[in-house]
Every structure is written in structure tokens, then in C-alpha cells.
Amino acid sequence: MTIRERLHEDTITAMRSGDSLRRDVLRMAENSMYLVEKTKKITLSEDEVLGVLTREVKTRRESVEAFRNGGREDLATKEEAEIAILQGYLPDALTEAEVTALVDEAIAATGASSARDLGKVMGWLSPRTRGRADGKVVSGLVAQALARADLAGHDTEH
């Protein structure tokens, strides 16, 4: 069963059980997918569905931070509950060690040697980490690794 089919089935189940929060969150996710499909005139692949769900989680995380900064703990708590529902459809998150190992693998696979190669490395990593790691964190780890590689390269040249 695809993620999209699971979302649809779970929406129906939530409607029947009266779980309005779950129903509304799943409907919003389905609507986001529908909007992307209509805008791009495509049918989303499983990977693209993960991308939409990941964006939905990211948006809610940003909202949690904004609500907390604004003293609205009630709204932050609701957003966190929505995040928990959506994360049930995403693959398990990668550990920091797993992300670091993937970054090392990506640098080796792409032959990256300096910060200029960040885009190339991220292009290799993105499909492997989508929905499983925060893009900002991955990008930061890549930048750090490339900076170390760049420094090591300069040390051997002099």
C-alpha cells in the first residue's frame, strides 16, 4: 500500500471514529499533494509524496517555534500533535552517525573537495535523506566536512 493510499484509508478511519484532529491533518496533507499535482500537472511519485509530507512537518516545526516565541503554548502543542501524526507516514529518522556516514559517502562518491562542491554533494544526498533528516542539518554537516577537506587540501599544497 502506498503512503497516499494509507493516508486516504486513515482519513476515512479518523472520520468514522470522530478523531477530528487526525482527520483534519490528513486532509490537509492530501490537499497539499493535490495542489502540487494540479500546479505541476503531474501525478506525484512516492518520493514526491514524502517530499510534500516533509514540507508539511517542516512548516509546522517553524510554527511551533513562532508560537512559543509569541507565548502561545496552546497553539504550539497543537502543532506538535500534528507533527506526530504526519511523522507516522515518514520513514524513520536517521541518527546523527548515519547522516555523517552518508555525508562521507556522498563526498567520496561525488569527488567533492571544496565548499564549491556543496550543491553536487547535496544533490547526491537529498534523495537518500528526504523525509529522514532535516535538510539544514545535512547541509551544515556537508559544509563542515567540505571545509575540513578544503583546509586539508590547502595544508598539503603549502
C-alpha atoms as a PDB file:
ATOM      1  CA  MET A   1       0.000   0.000   0.000  1.00  0.00           C
ATOM      2  CA  THR A   2       1.408   3.416  -0.953  1.00  0.00           C
ATOM      3  CA  ILE A   3       1.715   6.259   1.510  1.00  0.00           C
ATOM      4  CA  ARG A   4      -1.065   8.052  -0.314  1.00  0.00           C
ATOM      5  CA  GLU A   5      -3.394   5.049  -0.016  1.00  0.00           C
ATOM      6  CA  ARG A   6      -2.577   4.791   3.703  1.00  0.00           C
ATOM      7  CA  LEU A   7      -3.365   8.493   4.139  1.00  0.00           C
ATOM      8  CA  HIS A   8      -6.722   8.075   2.422  1.00  0.00           C
ATOM      9  CA  GLU A   9      -7.667   4.957   4.411  1.00  0.00           C
ATOM     10  CA  ASP A  10      -6.578   6.570   7.675  1.00  0.00           C
ATOM     11  CA  THR A  11      -8.595   9.714   6.867  1.00  0.00           C
ATOM     12  CA  ILE A  12     -11.736   7.583   6.460  1.00  0.00           C
ATOM     13  CA  THR A  13     -10.973   5.739   9.701  1.00  0.00           C
ATOM     14  CA  ALA A  14     -10.457   9.061  11.534  1.00  0.00           C
ATOM     15  CA  MET A  15     -13.769  10.376  10.171  1.00  0.00           C
ATOM     16  CA  ARG A  16     -15.616   7.265  11.359  1.00  0.00           C
ATOM     17  CA  SER A  17     -14.005   7.327  14.803  1.00  0.00           C
ATOM     18  CA  GLY A  18     -14.581  11.051  15.318  1.00  0.00           C
ATOM     19  CA  ASP A  19     -10.849  11.872  15.594  1.00  0.00           C
ATOM     20  CA  SER A  20     -11.162  15.390  14.194  1.00  0.00           C
ATOM     21  CA  LEU A  21      -7.508  16.398  14.680  1.00  0.00           C
ATOM     22  CA  ARG A  22      -6.216  13.359  12.779  1.00  0.00           C
ATOM     23  CA  ARG A  23      -8.895  13.764  10.091  1.00  0.00           C
ATOM     24  CA  ASP A  24      -8.044  17.430   9.557  1.00  0.00           C
ATOM     25  CA  VAL A  25      -4.275  16.891   9.478  1.00  0.00           C
ATOM     26  CA  LEU A  26      -4.562  14.043   6.968  1.00  0.00           C
ATOM     27  CA  ARG A  27      -6.962  16.051   4.807  1.00  0.00           C
ATOM     28  CA  MET A  28      -4.534  18.982   4.787  1.00  0.00           C
ATOM     29  CA  ALA A  29      -1.724  16.655   3.715  1.00  0.00           C
ATOM     30  CA  GLU A  30      -3.860  15.158   0.938  1.00  0.00           C
ATOM     31  CA  ASN A  31      -4.858  18.651  -0.189  1.00  0.00           C
ATOM     32  CA  SER A  32      -1.200  19.745  -0.299  1.00  0.00           C
ATOM     33  CA  MET A  33      -0.420  16.777  -2.561  1.00  0.00           C
ATOM     34  CA  TYR A  34      -3.418  17.534  -4.766  1.00  0.00           C
ATOM     35  CA  LEU A  35      -2.331  21.180  -5.066  1.00  0.00           C
ATOM     36  CA  VAL A  36       1.203  20.198  -6.129  1.00  0.00           C
ATOM     37  CA  GLU A  37      -0.211  17.781  -8.711  1.00  0.00           C
ATOM     38  CA  LYS A  38      -2.584  20.382 -10.152  1.00  0.00           C
ATOM     39  CA  THR A  39       0.082  23.102 -10.216  1.00  0.00           C
ATOM     40  CA  LYS A  40       2.730  20.910 -11.877  1.00  0.00           C
ATOM     41  CA  LYS A  41       0.207  18.847 -13.887  1.00  0.00           C
ATOM     42  CA  ILE A  42       1.794  15.585 -12.715  1.00  0.00           C
ATOM     43  CA  THR A  43       0.999  12.591 -10.556  1.00  0.00           C
ATOM     44  CA  LEU A  44       3.289  12.514  -7.530  1.00  0.00           C
ATOM     45  CA  SER A  45       5.698   9.622  -7.130  1.00  0.00           C
ATOM     46  CA  GLU A  46       6.155   8.002  -3.724  1.00  0.00           C
ATOM     47  CA  ASP A  47       9.330  10.068  -3.253  1.00  0.00           C
ATOM     48  CA  GLU A  48       7.488  13.289  -4.114  1.00  0.00           C
ATOM     49  CA  VAL A  49       4.705  12.385  -1.655  1.00  0.00           C
ATOM     50  CA  LEU A  50       7.415  12.055   1.019  1.00  0.00           C
ATOM     51  CA  GLY A  51       8.691  15.477  -0.007  1.00  0.00           C
ATOM     52  CA  VAL A  52       5.247  17.031   0.486  1.00  0.00           C
ATOM     53  CA  LEU A  53       4.857  15.384   3.901  1.00  0.00           C
ATOM     54  CA  THR A  54       8.340  16.526   4.892  1.00  0.00           C
ATOM     55  CA  ARG A  55       7.466  20.116   3.938  1.00  0.00           C
ATOM     56  CA  GLU A  56       4.259  19.879   5.981  1.00  0.00           C
ATOM     57  CA  VAL A  57       6.275  18.764   9.038  1.00  0.00           C
ATOM     58  CA  LYS A  58       8.880  21.492   8.471  1.00  0.00           C
ATOM     59  CA  THR A  59       6.194  24.179   8.238  1.00  0.00           C
ATOM     60  CA  ARG A  60       4.665  23.000  11.495  1.00  0.00           C
ATOM     61  CA  ARG A  61       8.052  22.949  13.251  1.00  0.00           C
ATOM     62  CA  GLU A  62       8.560  26.570  12.231  1.00  0.00           C
ATOM     63  CA  SER A  63       5.072  27.363  13.540  1.00  0.00           C
ATOM     64  CA  VAL A  64       5.846  25.701  16.890  1.00  0.00           C
ATOM     65  CA  GLU A  65       8.874  27.947  17.294  1.00  0.00           C
ATOM     66  CA  ALA A  66       6.907  31.064  16.314  1.00  0.00           C
ATOM     67  CA  PHE A  67       4.024  30.208  18.665  1.00  0.00           C
ATOM     68  CA  ARG A  68       6.409  29.552  21.568  1.00  0.00           C
ATOM     69  CA  ASN A  69       8.195  32.856  20.941  1.00  0.00           C
ATOM     70  CA  GLY A  70       4.793  34.534  20.943  1.00  0.00           C
ATOM     71  CA  GLY A  71       3.743  32.904  24.196  1.00  0.00           C
ATOM     72  CA  ARG A  72       1.067  30.717  22.577  1.00  0.00           C
ATOM     73  CA  GLU A  73       1.871  27.341  24.120  1.00  0.00           C
ATOM     74  CA  ASP A  74      -1.635  26.059  23.318  1.00  0.00           C
ATOM     75  CA  LEU A  75      -1.097  26.522  19.574  1.00  0.00           C
ATOM     76  CA  ALA A  76       2.471  25.150  19.775  1.00  0.00           C
ATOM     77  CA  THR A  77       1.135  21.995  21.452  1.00  0.00           C
ATOM     78  CA  LYS A  78      -1.498  21.547  18.719  1.00  0.00           C
ATOM     79  CA  GLU A  79       1.176  21.901  16.008  1.00  0.00           C
ATOM     80  CA  GLU A  80       3.331  19.300  17.787  1.00  0.00           C
ATOM     81  CA  ALA A  81       0.376  16.891  17.811  1.00  0.00           C
ATOM     82  CA  GLU A  82       0.003  17.440  14.054  1.00  0.00           C
ATOM     83  CA  ILE A  83       3.728  16.781  13.542  1.00  0.00           C
ATOM     84  CA  ALA A  84       3.406  13.475  15.436  1.00  0.00           C
ATOM     85  CA  ILE A  85       0.545  12.390  13.156  1.00  0.00           C
ATOM     86  CA  LEU A  86       2.443  13.263   9.959  1.00  0.00           C
ATOM     87  CA  GLN A  87       5.672  11.633  11.129  1.00  0.00           C
ATOM     88  CA  GLY A  88       3.824   8.327  11.259  1.00  0.00           C
ATOM     89  CA  TYR A  89       3.902   8.381   7.439  1.00  0.00           C
ATOM     90  CA  LEU A  90       7.580   9.270   7.093  1.00  0.00           C
ATOM     91  CA  PRO A  91      10.435   6.779   7.231  1.00  0.00           C
ATOM     92  CA  ASP A  92      12.361   6.514  10.499  1.00  0.00           C
ATOM     93  CA  ALA A  93      14.717   9.425  11.079  1.00  0.00           C
ATOM     94  CA  LEU A  94      18.409   8.859  10.511  1.00  0.00           C
ATOM     95  CA  THR A  95      20.723   9.081  13.509  1.00  0.00           C
ATOM     96  CA  GLU A  96      23.494  11.663  13.508  1.00  0.00           C
ATOM     97  CA  ALA A  97      26.044   8.877  12.950  1.00  0.00           C
ATOM     98  CA  GLU A  98      24.061   7.601   9.935  1.00  0.00           C
ATOM     99  CA  VAL A  99      23.859  11.109   8.451  1.00  0.00           C
ATOM    100  CA  THR A 100      27.597  11.637   8.996  1.00  0.00           C
ATOM    101  CA  ALA A 101      28.354   8.305   7.295  1.00  0.00           C
ATOM    102  CA  LEU A 102      26.128   9.291   4.345  1.00  0.00           C
ATOM    103  CA  VAL A 103      27.874  12.678   4.101  1.00  0.00           C
ATOM    104  CA  ASP A 104      31.264  10.925   3.951  1.00  0.00           C
ATOM    105  CA  GLU A 105      29.927   8.507   1.335  1.00  0.00           C
ATOM    106  CA  ALA A 106      28.495  11.394  -0.717  1.00  0.00           C
ATOM    107  CA  ILE A 107      31.773  13.312  -0.682  1.00  0.00           C
ATOM    108  CA  ALA A 108      33.656  10.211  -1.812  1.00  0.00           C
ATOM    109  CA  ALA A 109      31.059   9.344  -4.492  1.00  0.00           C
ATOM    110  CA  THR A 110      30.993  12.846  -5.972  1.00  0.00           C
ATOM    111  CA  GLY A 111      34.723  13.518  -5.652  1.00  0.00           C
ATOM    112  CA  ALA A 112      33.955  16.746  -3.780  1.00  0.00           C
ATOM    113  CA  SER A 113      36.998  18.566  -2.440  1.00  0.00           C
ATOM    114  CA  SER A 114      35.898  22.087  -1.517  1.00  0.00           C
ATOM    115  CA  ALA A 115      32.946  24.188  -0.401  1.00  0.00           C
ATOM    116  CA  ARG A 116      32.200  24.894  -4.092  1.00  0.00           C
ATOM    117  CA  ASP A 117      31.048  21.266  -4.383  1.00  0.00           C
ATOM    118  CA  LEU A 118      28.244  21.661  -1.801  1.00  0.00           C
ATOM    119  CA  GLY A 119      25.488  21.549  -4.442  1.00  0.00           C
ATOM    120  CA  LYS A 120      26.886  18.417  -6.045  1.00  0.00           C
ATOM    121  CA  VAL A 121      27.084  16.627  -2.676  1.00  0.00           C
ATOM    122  CA  MET A 122      23.593  17.764  -1.630  1.00  0.00           C
ATOM    123  CA  GLY A 123      22.232  16.559  -4.986  1.00  0.00           C
ATOM    124  CA  TRP A 124      23.601  13.101  -4.210  1.00  0.00           C
ATOM    125  CA  LEU A 125      22.389  13.160  -0.588  1.00  0.00           C
ATOM    126  CA  SER A 126      18.904  14.662  -0.936  1.00  0.00           C
ATOM    127  CA  PRO A 127      17.103  11.602  -2.308  1.00  0.00           C
ATOM    128  CA  ARG A 128      18.760   9.435   0.351  1.00  0.00           C
ATOM    129  CA  THR A 129      17.854  11.667   3.298  1.00  0.00           C
ATOM    130  CA  ARG A 130      14.468  13.117   2.226  1.00  0.00           C
ATOM    131  CA  GLY A 131      11.953  12.693   4.998  1.00  0.00           C
ATOM    132  CA  ARG A 132      14.582  11.115   7.224  1.00  0.00           C
ATOM    133  CA  ALA A 133      16.810  14.066   8.157  1.00  0.00           C
ATOM    134  CA  ASP A 134      16.456  17.851   8.363  1.00  0.00           C
ATOM    135  CA  GLY A 135      17.913  19.391   5.198  1.00  0.00           C
ATOM    136  CA  LYS A 136      19.507  22.257   7.153  1.00  0.00           C
ATOM    137  CA  VAL A 137      21.316  19.818   9.442  1.00  0.00           C
ATOM    138  CA  VAL A 138      22.533  17.732   6.481  1.00  0.00           C
ATOM    139  CA  SER A 139      23.683  20.842   4.616  1.00  0.00           C
ATOM    140  CA  GLY A 140      25.540  22.053   7.708  1.00  0.00           C
ATOM    141  CA  LEU A 141      27.323  18.715   8.110  1.00  0.00           C
ATOM    142  CA  VAL A 142      28.286  18.725   4.419  1.00  0.00           C
ATOM    143  CA  ALA A 143      29.611  22.290   4.699  1.00  0.00           C
ATOM    144  CA  GLN A 144      31.687  21.342   7.756  1.00  0.00           C
ATOM    145  CA  ALA A 145      33.089  18.239   6.070  1.00  0.00           C
ATOM    146  CA  LEU A 146      33.946  20.159   2.896  1.00  0.00           C
ATOM    147  CA  ALA A 147      35.585  22.941   4.921  1.00  0.00           C
ATOM    148  CA  ARG A 148      37.772  20.323   6.630  1.00  0.00           C
ATOM    149  CA  ALA A 149      38.601  18.781   3.232  1.00  0.00           C
ATOM    150  CA  ASP A 150      39.378  22.236   1.844  1.00  0.00           C
ATOM    151  CA  LEU A 151      41.689  23.008   4.786  1.00  0.00           C
ATOM    152  CA  ALA A 152      43.402  19.636   4.455  1.00  0.00           C
ATOM    153  CA  GLY A 153      43.931  20.309   0.757  1.00  0.00           C
ATOM    154  CA  HIS A 154      45.476  23.735   1.476  1.00  0.00           C
ATOM    155  CA  ASP A 155      47.754  22.262   4.161  1.00  0.00           C
ATOM    156  CA  THR A 156      49.244  19.757   1.714  1.00  0.00           C
ATOM    157  CA  GLU A 157      49.746  22.385  -1.003  1.00  0.00           C
ATOM    158  CA  HIS A 158      51.973  24.627   1.141  1.00  0.00           C
END
